[in-house]
Structures are given as C-alpha cells and as structure tokens.
Amino acid sequence: MGRAALADAATFVPWAVYTAGGSDEVLRQQLRSMRRWVEHLRRRAGDEVLLPTEPFQYGDWLDPDAPGERPWEAKGSSDYVANAFYVKSARILARAEELVGSAESAASYDELADRVAAATWEKWGEEAITTQTGAALALEFALAPEAERARVADLLAASVRAENGRIATGFDGTAIVLDALSNNGHLAEAYLMLLRREAPSWLYQGDRGATTVWERWDAIK
C-alpha cells in the first residue's frame, strides 16, 4: 500500500536528482512512475479528497517525545502528515509535467494539490501547527493559506525558542524544519536549533563521534 513520506520517494527522489544536477533526464525516465504514485494516492482517496485513515501510517516516526517502544506515537496526527505528503507529491509531479510532460497535466495536478491542501488545512491545520513538524509541513509544503504563513512561522519560531533549540521532530519534520524557519524570516531560531549541542540535536551526535545522523535521537542509549 505504501506509507507516506517513505513511498513518496517515487516523486521526491527524481525531483531531488533533477534539482541537484540540472538534467531533466531522470524526470523523463521516471515521469511514468511519478504519475503512477500520485494516481495511486488519488485512487486510495476514492470519492473523498483526503486519504483514508487506513492503512496504518508511520507519521512523524521517531518523534523524540514518543515512547521509545512506540515510535509511531508522535505529537501530531499521522493522517495530517500523510495528506501533507500527498500534496507535496502532487506539486512535484506538476512541476515535472511542466518540464517534460504536458501543460494540461501540470494544471490538473496543481489543482489536485490545491484541493487536498485546502481540505488538509481545514481539518487539521490549527491543531497541527502547535507542533514543530506540523508547522514546518504547513510552511514548506504550502498547506497554510498565504495569509496564515506569517502566523504559522511565528508559532514555529516561538516553539524553538521555548525549547532552547531542542529538536522536537521525527523523520518527517527533521528534514524541513530548518528550511521552514529560515525561508520565513527566522534565521536566529534556525541557528539556535542547528548549533545546539545538548540531546536531542545534531551536534550532540557529532560530539560523540557519529559519522551519520542516527535513526533515533537517543540512539547512544
């Protein structure tokens, strides 16, 4: 069935290769599989706009505040996370269609992304943005309406300051939280988080000889 964020590699990875290297060859090679993934999500939604609550979603896996033996119990809704990635995959596909597909398809996938984003924000937005991952997804995946972006960014920055830079994100928030801060005028908070040395943080790992980012923030234990 595929799980959000992990299976979304079908769109994220070709786009990352394209943006890193500049050649659209990978998009031409993978456009069919990118389409198949987004259409698979659309079929799962069926007559609804949003994805169903089944199958089980990993959500913000390994949120540092989740119980160690239950890493799926993140602070935010796993269904919010799943639909956020649905939106982002559709938007990535729309950009790929503009480059190597058709303008008609690009417009169609943009419209799909807008509908899912609006429904996701309406259902989970206010609750989601009380967490670092929820706010970061709302900003970086363009779920929050334009008029709400400054408020969401301020909430995220306030959370980081209140935690003295402590990371409170799992798999899905960690990769984008610094971008969400810095792209929205909160560089000080981004550096507060980046340069923190107490656990959980990246430099805590580096100080202990880590050569990769650990799967668990507390893996040294």
N, C-alpha and C. Protein backbone atom coordinates (compact mmCIF):
# COMPACT_ATOMS: atom_id res chain seq x y z
N MET A 1 0.82 -1.22 0.00
CA MET A 1 0.00 0.00 0.00
C MET A 1 0.85 1.27 0.00
N GLY A 2 2.05 1.18 0.51
CA GLY A 2 2.89 2.37 0.57
C GLY A 2 2.56 3.22 1.78
N ARG A 3 3.55 3.82 2.36
CA ARG A 3 3.36 4.67 3.52
C ARG A 3 3.89 6.07 3.21
N ALA A 4 3.18 7.07 3.71
CA ALA A 4 3.54 8.46 3.43
C ALA A 4 4.98 8.74 3.82
N ALA A 5 5.61 9.61 3.06
CA ALA A 5 7.00 10.05 3.24
C ALA A 5 7.98 9.00 2.73
N LEU A 6 7.80 7.74 3.10
CA LEU A 6 8.71 6.70 2.63
C LEU A 6 8.42 6.38 1.16
N ALA A 7 7.19 6.02 0.85
CA ALA A 7 6.84 5.68 -0.54
C ALA A 7 6.82 6.92 -1.44
N ASP A 8 6.70 8.11 -0.85
CA ASP A 8 6.75 9.33 -1.64
C ASP A 8 8.13 9.57 -2.25
N ALA A 9 9.07 8.71 -1.95
CA ALA A 9 10.35 8.73 -2.67
C ALA A 9 10.13 8.63 -4.18
N ALA A 10 9.00 8.06 -4.59
CA ALA A 10 8.68 7.95 -6.02
C ALA A 10 8.69 9.30 -6.72
N THR A 11 8.32 10.35 -6.00
CA THR A 11 8.37 11.69 -6.58
C THR A 11 9.54 12.51 -6.04
N PHE A 12 9.82 12.38 -4.75
CA PHE A 12 10.85 13.20 -4.11
C PHE A 12 12.24 12.93 -4.68
N VAL A 13 12.57 11.66 -4.89
CA VAL A 13 13.94 11.34 -5.30
C VAL A 13 14.24 11.81 -6.73
N PRO A 14 13.40 11.53 -7.73
CA PRO A 14 13.70 12.09 -9.05
C PRO A 14 13.82 13.61 -9.05
N TRP A 15 12.94 14.27 -8.28
CA TRP A 15 12.99 15.74 -8.23
C TRP A 15 14.28 16.21 -7.56
N ALA A 16 14.70 15.53 -6.52
CA ALA A 16 15.95 15.89 -5.84
C ALA A 16 17.15 15.72 -6.77
N VAL A 17 17.15 14.64 -7.54
CA VAL A 17 18.24 14.41 -8.50
C VAL A 17 18.25 15.52 -9.55
N TYR A 18 17.06 15.88 -10.04
CA TYR A 18 16.97 16.94 -11.04
C TYR A 18 17.46 18.27 -10.49
N THR A 19 17.00 18.65 -9.29
CA THR A 19 17.39 19.95 -8.75
C THR A 19 18.86 19.99 -8.37
N ALA A 20 19.43 18.85 -8.02
CA ALA A 20 20.85 18.82 -7.67
C ALA A 20 21.74 18.86 -8.90
N GLY A 21 21.31 18.17 -9.98
CA GLY A 21 22.17 18.04 -11.15
C GLY A 21 21.81 18.90 -12.33
N GLY A 22 20.53 19.32 -12.42
CA GLY A 22 20.12 20.19 -13.50
C GLY A 22 19.67 19.50 -14.77
N SER A 23 19.91 18.20 -14.90
CA SER A 23 19.49 17.47 -16.10
C SER A 23 18.08 16.92 -15.89
N ASP A 24 17.21 17.07 -16.91
CA ASP A 24 15.85 16.55 -16.78
C ASP A 24 15.74 15.09 -17.20
N GLU A 25 16.88 14.44 -17.44
CA GLU A 25 16.84 13.04 -17.89
C GLU A 25 16.12 12.15 -16.87
N VAL A 26 16.41 12.35 -15.59
CA VAL A 26 15.79 11.50 -14.57
C VAL A 26 14.28 11.71 -14.54
N LEU A 27 13.82 12.93 -14.81
CA LEU A 27 12.38 13.17 -14.83
C LEU A 27 11.73 12.48 -16.03
N ARG A 28 12.41 12.49 -17.15
CA ARG A 28 11.89 11.79 -18.33
C ARG A 28 11.81 10.29 -18.07
N GLN A 29 12.84 9.76 -17.40
CA GLN A 29 12.87 8.33 -17.12
C GLN A 29 11.79 7.93 -16.11
N GLN A 30 11.53 8.80 -15.15
CA GLN A 30 10.66 8.42 -14.03
C GLN A 30 9.27 9.05 -14.07
N LEU A 31 8.96 9.81 -15.10
CA LEU A 31 7.68 10.51 -15.11
C LEU A 31 6.51 9.53 -14.99
N ARG A 32 6.60 8.39 -15.64
CA ARG A 32 5.51 7.41 -15.58
C ARG A 32 5.33 6.89 -14.16
N SER A 33 6.42 6.59 -13.47
CA SER A 33 6.28 6.07 -12.10
C SER A 33 5.83 7.18 -11.14
N MET A 34 6.24 8.41 -11.40
CA MET A 34 5.77 9.54 -10.59
C MET A 34 4.26 9.69 -10.73
N ARG A 35 3.78 9.59 -11.96
CA ARG A 35 2.34 9.67 -12.19
C ARG A 35 1.61 8.52 -11.50
N ARG A 36 2.18 7.33 -11.61
CA ARG A 36 1.50 6.16 -11.05
C ARG A 36 1.37 6.29 -9.53
N TRP A 37 2.38 6.87 -8.89
CA TRP A 37 2.29 7.03 -7.44
C TRP A 37 1.19 8.01 -7.05
N VAL A 38 1.14 9.16 -7.68
CA VAL A 38 0.13 10.15 -7.35
C VAL A 38 -1.27 9.63 -7.70
N GLU A 39 -1.39 8.95 -8.81
CA GLU A 39 -2.69 8.39 -9.17
C GLU A 39 -3.11 7.29 -8.20
N HIS A 40 -2.14 6.56 -7.68
CA HIS A 40 -2.43 5.55 -6.65
C HIS A 40 -3.02 6.22 -5.41
N LEU A 41 -2.44 7.34 -5.01
CA LEU A 41 -2.97 8.08 -3.86
C LEU A 41 -4.37 8.60 -4.16
N ARG A 42 -4.58 9.09 -5.37
CA ARG A 42 -5.91 9.59 -5.73
C ARG A 42 -6.95 8.45 -5.66
N ARG A 43 -6.57 7.27 -6.13
CA ARG A 43 -7.49 6.13 -6.06
C ARG A 43 -7.79 5.74 -4.62
N ARG A 44 -6.77 5.82 -3.76
CA ARG A 44 -6.99 5.49 -2.35
C ARG A 44 -7.97 6.47 -1.70
N ALA A 45 -7.92 7.72 -2.12
CA ALA A 45 -8.87 8.71 -1.59
C ALA A 45 -10.28 8.43 -2.10
N GLY A 46 -10.38 7.82 -3.28
CA GLY A 46 -11.69 7.47 -3.82
C GLY A 46 -12.54 8.70 -4.09
N ASP A 47 -13.77 8.67 -3.61
CA ASP A 47 -14.69 9.79 -3.81
C ASP A 47 -14.40 10.94 -2.87
N GLU A 48 -13.52 10.72 -1.90
CA GLU A 48 -13.16 11.77 -0.95
C GLU A 48 -11.95 12.55 -1.46
N VAL A 49 -11.67 13.67 -0.84
CA VAL A 49 -10.48 14.45 -1.20
C VAL A 49 -9.27 13.93 -0.44
N LEU A 50 -9.46 13.62 0.83
CA LEU A 50 -8.36 13.21 1.70
C LEU A 50 -8.18 11.70 1.69
N LEU A 51 -6.98 11.28 2.05
CA LEU A 51 -6.67 9.86 2.14
C LEU A 51 -7.43 9.22 3.29
N PRO A 52 -7.77 7.94 3.18
CA PRO A 52 -8.45 7.26 4.28
C PRO A 52 -7.50 7.04 5.45
N THR A 53 -8.07 6.76 6.61
CA THR A 53 -7.25 6.56 7.81
C THR A 53 -6.57 5.20 7.83
N GLU A 54 -6.97 4.31 6.96
CA GLU A 54 -6.30 3.02 6.80
C GLU A 54 -5.67 2.99 5.42
N PRO A 55 -4.52 2.36 5.23
CA PRO A 55 -3.79 1.58 6.21
C PRO A 55 -3.01 2.46 7.21
N PHE A 56 -2.44 1.81 8.17
CA PHE A 56 -1.62 2.46 9.19
C PHE A 56 -0.54 3.32 8.56
N GLN A 57 -0.38 4.54 9.08
CA GLN A 57 0.68 5.44 8.62
C GLN A 57 1.73 5.58 9.73
N TYR A 58 2.98 5.68 9.33
CA TYR A 58 4.05 5.85 10.31
C TYR A 58 4.06 7.26 10.90
N GLY A 59 3.53 8.24 10.17
CA GLY A 59 3.50 9.60 10.68
C GLY A 59 4.91 10.14 10.91
N ASP A 60 5.04 11.02 11.88
CA ASP A 60 6.34 11.64 12.18
C ASP A 60 7.16 10.66 13.03
N TRP A 61 7.56 9.60 12.40
CA TRP A 61 8.24 8.45 13.01
C TRP A 61 9.43 8.91 13.87
N LEU A 62 9.51 8.34 15.06
CA LEU A 62 10.60 8.62 15.99
C LEU A 62 10.65 10.08 16.43
N ASP A 63 9.48 10.67 16.58
CA ASP A 63 9.37 11.93 17.32
C ASP A 63 10.08 11.70 18.66
N PRO A 64 11.02 12.56 19.07
CA PRO A 64 11.77 12.31 20.31
C PRO A 64 10.90 12.28 21.56
N ASP A 65 9.67 12.78 21.46
CA ASP A 65 8.78 12.75 22.61
C ASP A 65 7.87 11.52 22.63
N ALA A 66 7.96 10.68 21.62
CA ALA A 66 7.17 9.45 21.59
C ALA A 66 7.81 8.41 22.50
N PRO A 67 7.02 7.50 23.06
CA PRO A 67 7.60 6.42 23.87
C PRO A 67 8.59 5.61 23.04
N GLY A 68 9.72 5.25 23.62
CA GLY A 68 10.75 4.55 22.87
C GLY A 68 10.27 3.28 22.21
N GLU A 69 9.34 2.57 22.86
CA GLU A 69 8.86 1.31 22.30
C GLU A 69 7.66 1.52 21.37
N ARG A 70 7.16 2.78 21.25
CA ARG A 70 6.03 3.07 20.36
C ARG A 70 6.37 4.32 19.52
N PRO A 71 7.33 4.18 18.61
CA PRO A 71 7.85 5.36 17.90
C PRO A 71 6.85 6.00 16.93
N TRP A 72 5.72 5.38 16.70
CA TRP A 72 4.71 5.97 15.81
C TRP A 72 3.82 6.96 16.55
N GLU A 73 3.92 7.03 17.87
CA GLU A 73 3.04 7.91 18.65
C GLU A 73 3.62 9.33 18.72
N ALA A 74 3.67 9.97 17.59
CA ALA A 74 4.18 11.34 17.51
C ALA A 74 3.15 12.32 18.07
N LYS A 75 3.59 13.55 18.29
CA LYS A 75 2.70 14.57 18.83
C LYS A 75 1.61 14.95 17.84
N GLY A 76 1.93 14.88 16.55
CA GLY A 76 0.98 15.29 15.52
C GLY A 76 0.26 14.11 14.89
N SER A 77 -0.81 14.43 14.16
CA SER A 77 -1.62 13.41 13.50
C SER A 77 -0.87 12.77 12.33
N SER A 78 -0.85 11.44 12.31
CA SER A 78 -0.22 10.74 11.18
C SER A 78 -1.02 10.94 9.90
N ASP A 79 -2.32 11.14 10.01
CA ASP A 79 -3.15 11.39 8.83
C ASP A 79 -2.86 12.77 8.25
N TYR A 80 -2.60 13.74 9.10
CA TYR A 80 -2.18 15.05 8.61
C TYR A 80 -0.88 14.93 7.83
N VAL A 81 0.08 14.21 8.38
CA VAL A 81 1.36 14.03 7.71
C VAL A 81 1.17 13.34 6.36
N ALA A 82 0.35 12.29 6.32
CA ALA A 82 0.13 11.55 5.09
C ALA A 82 -0.44 12.44 4.00
N ASN A 83 -1.43 13.25 4.36
CA ASN A 83 -2.04 14.13 3.36
C ASN A 83 -1.12 15.27 2.96
N ALA A 84 -0.28 15.72 3.89
CA ALA A 84 0.71 16.75 3.55
C ALA A 84 1.66 16.22 2.47
N PHE A 85 2.10 14.99 2.60
CA PHE A 85 2.99 14.41 1.60
C PHE A 85 2.25 14.14 0.28
N TYR A 86 0.98 13.82 0.36
CA TYR A 86 0.16 13.69 -0.85
C TYR A 86 0.18 15.01 -1.62
N VAL A 87 -0.02 16.10 -0.91
CA VAL A 87 0.01 17.42 -1.53
C VAL A 87 1.37 17.67 -2.19
N LYS A 88 2.44 17.42 -1.45
CA LYS A 88 3.76 17.71 -1.98
C LYS A 88 4.09 16.85 -3.18
N SER A 89 3.72 15.58 -3.15
CA SER A 89 3.97 14.72 -4.30
C SER A 89 3.23 15.23 -5.54
N ALA A 90 1.99 15.65 -5.35
CA ALA A 90 1.22 16.19 -6.48
C ALA A 90 1.86 17.46 -7.02
N ARG A 91 2.37 18.30 -6.13
CA ARG A 91 3.01 19.54 -6.58
C ARG A 91 4.32 19.23 -7.33
N ILE A 92 5.09 18.29 -6.82
CA ILE A 92 6.33 17.91 -7.51
C ILE A 92 6.01 17.38 -8.90
N LEU A 93 4.99 16.52 -8.97
CA LEU A 93 4.61 15.97 -10.27
C LEU A 93 4.17 17.07 -11.23
N ALA A 94 3.45 18.05 -10.73
CA ALA A 94 3.03 19.16 -11.58
C ALA A 94 4.24 19.89 -12.16
N ARG A 95 5.27 20.10 -11.34
CA ARG A 95 6.47 20.78 -11.85
C ARG A 95 7.19 19.90 -12.88
N ALA A 96 7.23 18.59 -12.64
CA ALA A 96 7.85 17.67 -13.60
C ALA A 96 7.07 17.68 -14.91
N GLU A 97 5.75 17.71 -14.82
CA GLU A 97 4.92 17.75 -16.03
C GLU A 97 5.20 19.02 -16.84
N GLU A 98 5.40 20.13 -16.16
CA GLU A 98 5.73 21.38 -16.87
C GLU A 98 7.02 21.24 -17.67
N LEU A 99 7.97 20.49 -17.12
CA LEU A 99 9.28 20.36 -17.74
C LEU A 99 9.33 19.31 -18.84
N VAL A 100 8.75 18.15 -18.58
CA VAL A 100 8.93 17.04 -19.53
C VAL A 100 7.61 16.36 -19.90
N GLY A 101 6.48 16.87 -19.39
CA GLY A 101 5.19 16.26 -19.69
C GLY A 101 4.32 17.22 -20.47
N SER A 102 3.14 17.49 -19.94
CA SER A 102 2.20 18.37 -20.63
C SER A 102 1.71 19.46 -19.70
N ALA A 103 1.43 20.61 -20.28
CA ALA A 103 0.90 21.74 -19.51
C ALA A 103 -0.47 21.40 -18.93
N GLU A 104 -1.26 20.64 -19.67
CA GLU A 104 -2.58 20.25 -19.20
C GLU A 104 -2.48 19.37 -17.95
N SER A 105 -1.56 18.42 -17.98
CA SER A 105 -1.37 17.56 -16.81
C SER A 105 -0.84 18.36 -15.63
N ALA A 106 0.07 19.28 -15.89
CA ALA A 106 0.61 20.11 -14.81
C ALA A 106 -0.51 20.88 -14.12
N ALA A 107 -1.40 21.47 -14.89
CA ALA A 107 -2.51 22.23 -14.31
C ALA A 107 -3.43 21.31 -13.51
N SER A 108 -3.65 20.10 -14.01
CA SER A 108 -4.52 19.15 -13.32
C SER A 108 -3.94 18.74 -11.96
N TYR A 109 -2.64 18.48 -11.93
CA TYR A 109 -2.02 18.06 -10.66
C TYR A 109 -1.88 19.23 -9.69
N ASP A 110 -1.69 20.43 -10.19
CA ASP A 110 -1.71 21.61 -9.32
C ASP A 110 -3.08 21.77 -8.68
N GLU A 111 -4.13 21.57 -9.47
CA GLU A 111 -5.49 21.69 -8.95
C GLU A 111 -5.74 20.63 -7.88
N LEU A 112 -5.26 19.40 -8.12
CA LEU A 112 -5.39 18.34 -7.14
C LEU A 112 -4.68 18.72 -5.83
N ALA A 113 -3.45 19.21 -5.96
CA ALA A 113 -2.69 19.60 -4.78
C ALA A 113 -3.40 20.70 -4.00
N ASP A 114 -3.96 21.67 -4.70
CA ASP A 114 -4.65 22.77 -4.03
C ASP A 114 -5.87 22.26 -3.26
N ARG A 115 -6.62 21.32 -3.85
CA ARG A 115 -7.82 20.79 -3.19
C ARG A 115 -7.45 20.01 -1.93
N VAL A 116 -6.43 19.16 -2.05
CA VAL A 116 -6.02 18.36 -0.89
C VAL A 116 -5.42 19.26 0.19
N ALA A 117 -4.65 20.25 -0.21
CA ALA A 117 -4.06 21.18 0.76
C ALA A 117 -5.14 21.92 1.53
N ALA A 118 -6.15 22.41 0.83
CA ALA A 118 -7.23 23.15 1.48
C ALA A 118 -7.98 22.27 2.47
N ALA A 119 -8.27 21.04 2.06
CA ALA A 119 -9.00 20.11 2.94
C ALA A 119 -8.15 19.72 4.14
N THR A 120 -6.85 19.52 3.91
CA THR A 120 -5.94 19.16 5.00
C THR A 120 -5.84 20.28 6.02
N TRP A 121 -5.70 21.49 5.53
CA TRP A 121 -5.62 22.64 6.43
C TRP A 121 -6.91 22.82 7.21
N GLU A 122 -8.04 22.68 6.53
CA GLU A 122 -9.33 22.86 7.21
C GLU A 122 -9.52 21.83 8.32
N LYS A 123 -9.10 20.59 8.08
CA LYS A 123 -9.35 19.52 9.05
C LYS A 123 -8.35 19.51 10.19
N TRP A 124 -7.06 19.73 9.89
CA TRP A 124 -6.04 19.54 10.92
C TRP A 124 -5.20 20.77 11.21
N GLY A 125 -5.32 21.81 10.40
CA GLY A 125 -4.36 22.91 10.44
C GLY A 125 -4.10 23.50 11.81
N GLU A 126 -5.14 23.93 12.50
CA GLU A 126 -4.95 24.62 13.77
C GLU A 126 -4.29 23.73 14.82
N GLU A 127 -4.66 22.47 14.85
CA GLU A 127 -4.02 21.54 15.79
C GLU A 127 -2.60 21.23 15.35
N ALA A 128 -2.41 21.02 14.05
CA ALA A 128 -1.10 20.60 13.54
C ALA A 128 -0.02 21.62 13.82
N ILE A 129 -0.34 22.90 13.69
CA ILE A 129 0.71 23.92 13.80
C ILE A 129 1.13 24.18 15.24
N THR A 130 0.58 23.45 16.19
CA THR A 130 1.08 23.52 17.56
C THR A 130 2.32 22.65 17.74
N THR A 131 2.69 21.87 16.74
CA THR A 131 3.89 21.04 16.78
C THR A 131 4.90 21.55 15.76
N GLN A 132 6.18 21.29 16.01
CA GLN A 132 7.21 21.74 15.07
C GLN A 132 7.04 21.09 13.70
N THR A 133 6.79 19.80 13.67
CA THR A 133 6.63 19.13 12.38
C THR A 133 5.39 19.65 11.66
N GLY A 134 4.29 19.79 12.38
CA GLY A 134 3.07 20.26 11.75
C GLY A 134 3.22 21.64 11.14
N ALA A 135 3.87 22.53 11.86
CA ALA A 135 4.09 23.89 11.35
C ALA A 135 5.06 23.87 10.17
N ALA A 136 6.11 23.08 10.27
CA ALA A 136 7.09 23.01 9.18
C ALA A 136 6.45 22.48 7.90
N LEU A 137 5.63 21.45 8.02
CA LEU A 137 4.93 20.92 6.84
C LEU A 137 3.97 21.95 6.27
N ALA A 138 3.26 22.66 7.13
CA ALA A 138 2.32 23.68 6.67
C ALA A 138 3.02 24.74 5.85
N LEU A 139 4.24 25.08 6.23
CA LEU A 139 5.00 26.11 5.53
C LEU A 139 5.70 25.57 4.28
N GLU A 140 6.48 24.52 4.43
CA GLU A 140 7.30 24.03 3.32
C GLU A 140 6.49 23.31 2.25
N PHE A 141 5.35 22.74 2.62
CA PHE A 141 4.52 22.04 1.64
C PHE A 141 3.32 22.88 1.21
N ALA A 142 3.33 24.16 1.59
CA ALA A 142 2.31 25.13 1.16
C ALA A 142 0.90 24.67 1.49
N LEU A 143 0.71 24.21 2.72
CA LEU A 143 -0.63 23.85 3.20
C LEU A 143 -1.35 25.06 3.77
N ALA A 144 -0.61 25.89 4.47
CA ALA A 144 -1.20 27.08 5.09
C ALA A 144 -1.52 28.13 4.02
N PRO A 145 -2.70 28.73 4.08
CA PRO A 145 -3.01 29.82 3.16
C PRO A 145 -1.99 30.95 3.30
N GLU A 146 -1.79 31.70 2.25
CA GLU A 146 -0.78 32.76 2.24
C GLU A 146 -0.97 33.72 3.41
N ALA A 147 -2.20 34.03 3.73
CA ALA A 147 -2.46 34.99 4.81
C ALA A 147 -2.11 34.44 6.18
N GLU A 148 -1.94 33.13 6.29
CA GLU A 148 -1.65 32.49 7.57
C GLU A 148 -0.17 32.17 7.76
N ARG A 149 0.62 32.31 6.72
CA ARG A 149 2.00 31.83 6.77
C ARG A 149 2.83 32.54 7.85
N ALA A 150 2.70 33.82 7.96
CA ALA A 150 3.49 34.56 8.96
C ALA A 150 3.14 34.10 10.37
N ARG A 151 1.86 33.88 10.63
CA ARG A 151 1.45 33.42 11.96
C ARG A 151 2.01 32.03 12.25
N VAL A 152 1.95 31.14 11.26
CA VAL A 152 2.47 29.78 11.46
C VAL A 152 3.98 29.83 11.70
N ALA A 153 4.69 30.64 10.93
CA ALA A 153 6.14 30.77 11.11
C ALA A 153 6.48 31.32 12.49
N ASP A 154 5.71 32.28 12.95
CA ASP A 154 5.94 32.84 14.28
C ASP A 154 5.71 31.79 15.36
N LEU A 155 4.70 30.97 15.20
CA LEU A 155 4.43 29.90 16.17
C LEU A 155 5.58 28.90 16.20
N LEU A 156 6.08 28.54 15.02
CA LEU A 156 7.20 27.60 14.95
C LEU A 156 8.44 28.19 15.63
N ALA A 157 8.74 29.45 15.32
CA ALA A 157 9.90 30.09 15.92
C ALA A 157 9.76 30.20 17.44
N ALA A 158 8.56 30.50 17.90
CA ALA A 158 8.33 30.59 19.34
C ALA A 158 8.54 29.24 20.02
N SER A 159 8.14 28.17 19.35
CA SER A 159 8.34 26.82 19.90
C SER A 159 9.83 26.51 20.02
N VAL A 160 10.59 26.88 19.00
CA VAL A 160 12.03 26.62 19.02
C VAL A 160 12.70 27.41 20.15
N ARG A 161 12.31 28.68 20.31
CA ARG A 161 12.88 29.49 21.39
C ARG A 161 12.50 28.92 22.76
N ALA A 162 11.25 28.51 22.91
CA ALA A 162 10.79 27.98 24.19
C ALA A 162 11.55 26.71 24.56
N GLU A 163 11.94 25.94 23.54
CA GLU A 163 12.67 24.69 23.76
C GLU A 163 14.19 24.90 23.77
N ASN A 164 14.63 26.17 23.64
CA ASN A 164 16.06 26.49 23.57
C ASN A 164 16.76 25.70 22.47
N GLY A 165 16.08 25.59 21.33
CA GLY A 165 16.66 24.92 20.17
C GLY A 165 16.51 23.41 20.17
N ARG A 166 15.88 22.86 21.19
CA ARG A 166 15.69 21.40 21.24
C ARG A 166 14.87 20.93 20.05
N ILE A 167 15.35 19.91 19.36
CA ILE A 167 14.61 19.35 18.24
C ILE A 167 13.44 18.53 18.77
N ALA A 168 12.27 18.78 18.23
CA ALA A 168 11.08 18.05 18.66
C ALA A 168 10.39 17.40 17.47
N THR A 169 11.19 17.07 16.44
CA THR A 169 10.65 16.49 15.21
C THR A 169 11.15 15.07 15.01
N GLY A 170 10.32 14.27 14.35
CA GLY A 170 10.73 12.93 13.94
C GLY A 170 11.21 12.94 12.49
N PHE A 171 11.05 11.80 11.81
CA PHE A 171 11.56 11.68 10.45
C PHE A 171 11.04 12.76 9.51
N ASP A 172 9.77 13.06 9.60
CA ASP A 172 9.15 13.90 8.57
C ASP A 172 9.38 15.39 8.80
N GLY A 173 9.57 15.79 10.04
CA GLY A 173 9.80 17.19 10.31
C GLY A 173 11.26 17.59 10.27
N THR A 174 12.15 16.65 10.61
CA THR A 174 13.57 16.98 10.76
C THR A 174 14.18 17.52 9.48
N ALA A 175 13.82 16.94 8.35
CA ALA A 175 14.44 17.33 7.08
C ALA A 175 14.05 18.72 6.62
N ILE A 176 12.96 19.27 7.16
CA ILE A 176 12.46 20.55 6.63
C ILE A 176 12.35 21.65 7.67
N VAL A 177 12.57 21.35 8.95
CA VAL A 177 12.30 22.36 9.97
C VAL A 177 13.23 23.57 9.86
N LEU A 178 14.50 23.35 9.52
CA LEU A 178 15.41 24.49 9.38
C LEU A 178 15.04 25.35 8.17
N ASP A 179 14.62 24.71 7.06
CA ASP A 179 14.16 25.47 5.90
C ASP A 179 12.91 26.25 6.23
N ALA A 180 11.99 25.63 6.97
CA ALA A 180 10.75 26.31 7.32
C ALA A 180 11.04 27.58 8.13
N LEU A 181 12.01 27.52 9.01
CA LEU A 181 12.39 28.69 9.79
C LEU A 181 13.11 29.73 8.93
N SER A 182 14.16 29.30 8.23
CA SER A 182 14.99 30.27 7.51
C SER A 182 14.28 30.87 6.30
N ASN A 183 13.41 30.10 5.65
CA ASN A 183 12.67 30.63 4.49
C ASN A 183 11.57 31.61 4.88
N ASN A 184 11.31 31.70 6.19
CA ASN A 184 10.23 32.57 6.64
C ASN A 184 10.70 33.61 7.65
N GLY A 185 11.98 33.98 7.53
CA GLY A 185 12.48 35.11 8.29
C GLY A 185 12.94 34.84 9.71
N HIS A 186 13.13 33.56 10.07
CA HIS A 186 13.52 33.24 11.43
C HIS A 186 14.89 32.54 11.45
N LEU A 187 15.88 33.25 10.96
CA LEU A 187 17.24 32.70 10.90
C LEU A 187 17.81 32.46 12.29
N ALA A 188 17.54 33.34 13.22
CA ALA A 188 18.10 33.19 14.57
C ALA A 188 17.66 31.87 15.19
N GLU A 189 16.38 31.55 15.02
CA GLU A 189 15.86 30.30 15.59
C GLU A 189 16.41 29.09 14.84
N ALA A 190 16.61 29.23 13.54
CA ALA A 190 17.20 28.13 12.78
C ALA A 190 18.61 27.82 13.28
N TYR A 191 19.40 28.85 13.54
CA TYR A 191 20.76 28.63 14.05
C TYR A 191 20.75 28.16 15.49
N LEU A 192 19.78 28.62 16.27
CA LEU A 192 19.65 28.14 17.65
C LEU A 192 19.47 26.62 17.66
N MET A 193 18.65 26.13 16.75
CA MET A 193 18.42 24.69 16.66
C MET A 193 19.64 23.98 16.07
N LEU A 194 20.18 24.51 14.99
CA LEU A 194 21.30 23.86 14.30
C LEU A 194 22.52 23.72 15.20
N LEU A 195 22.80 24.72 16.02
CA LEU A 195 24.05 24.75 16.80
C LEU A 195 23.89 24.21 18.21
N ARG A 196 22.73 23.75 18.58
CA ARG A 196 22.54 23.16 19.90
C ARG A 196 23.40 21.91 20.06
N ARG A 197 23.94 21.71 21.25
CA ARG A 197 24.81 20.57 21.49
C ARG A 197 24.22 19.55 22.47
N GLU A 198 23.17 19.95 23.20
CA GLU A 198 22.53 19.01 24.12
C GLU A 198 21.56 18.12 23.35
N ALA A 199 21.34 16.90 23.86
CA ALA A 199 20.39 16.00 23.21
C ALA A 199 18.96 16.50 23.42
N PRO A 200 18.10 16.37 22.42
CA PRO A 200 18.39 15.85 21.09
C PRO A 200 18.85 16.97 20.15
N SER A 201 19.91 16.72 19.44
CA SER A 201 20.43 17.68 18.46
C SER A 201 21.39 16.96 17.54
N TRP A 202 21.71 17.60 16.44
CA TRP A 202 22.68 17.01 15.51
C TRP A 202 24.10 17.04 16.11
N LEU A 203 24.47 18.16 16.74
CA LEU A 203 25.83 18.27 17.24
C LEU A 203 26.08 17.37 18.44
N TYR A 204 25.04 17.03 19.18
CA TYR A 204 25.19 16.04 20.25
C TYR A 204 25.72 14.74 19.66
N GLN A 205 25.20 14.38 18.50
CA GLN A 205 25.66 13.16 17.83
C GLN A 205 27.11 13.31 17.35
N GLY A 206 27.39 14.46 16.72
CA GLY A 206 28.74 14.68 16.22
C GLY A 206 29.77 14.70 17.33
N ASP A 207 29.43 15.29 18.47
CA ASP A 207 30.35 15.34 19.61
C ASP A 207 30.68 13.95 20.13
N ARG A 208 29.82 12.99 19.85
CA ARG A 208 30.04 11.62 20.33
C ARG A 208 30.58 10.70 19.23
N GLY A 209 31.10 11.32 18.18
CA GLY A 209 31.78 10.55 17.14
C GLY A 209 30.90 10.02 16.04
N ALA A 210 29.65 10.43 15.99
CA ALA A 210 28.76 9.94 14.94
C ALA A 210 29.26 10.39 13.57
N THR A 211 29.19 9.49 12.60
CA THR A 211 29.56 9.82 11.23
C THR A 211 28.34 9.88 10.32
N THR A 212 27.18 9.53 10.84
CA THR A 212 25.90 9.71 10.15
C THR A 212 24.90 10.19 11.18
N VAL A 213 23.74 10.65 10.69
CA VAL A 213 22.65 11.00 11.61
C VAL A 213 22.03 9.70 12.12
N TRP A 214 21.90 9.59 13.42
CA TRP A 214 21.31 8.37 13.99
C TRP A 214 19.85 8.24 13.60
N GLU A 215 19.35 7.00 13.56
CA GLU A 215 17.92 6.81 13.31
C GLU A 215 17.11 7.35 14.48
N ARG A 216 17.56 7.09 15.70
CA ARG A 216 16.90 7.61 16.89
C ARG A 216 17.75 8.73 17.48
N TRP A 217 17.08 9.80 17.92
CA TRP A 217 17.80 10.90 18.54
C TRP A 217 18.58 10.44 19.77
N ASP A 218 18.06 9.43 20.48
CA ASP A 218 18.71 8.97 21.70
C ASP A 218 19.44 7.65 21.49
N ALA A 219 19.92 7.41 20.26
CA ALA A 219 20.49 6.10 19.94
C ALA A 219 21.70 5.76 20.79
N ILE A 220 22.39 6.76 21.35
CA ILE A 220 23.56 6.48 22.18
C ILE A 220 23.18 5.68 23.41
N LYS A 221 21.89 5.73 23.78
CA LYS A 221 21.43 5.00 24.95
C LYS A 221 21.22 3.51 24.67
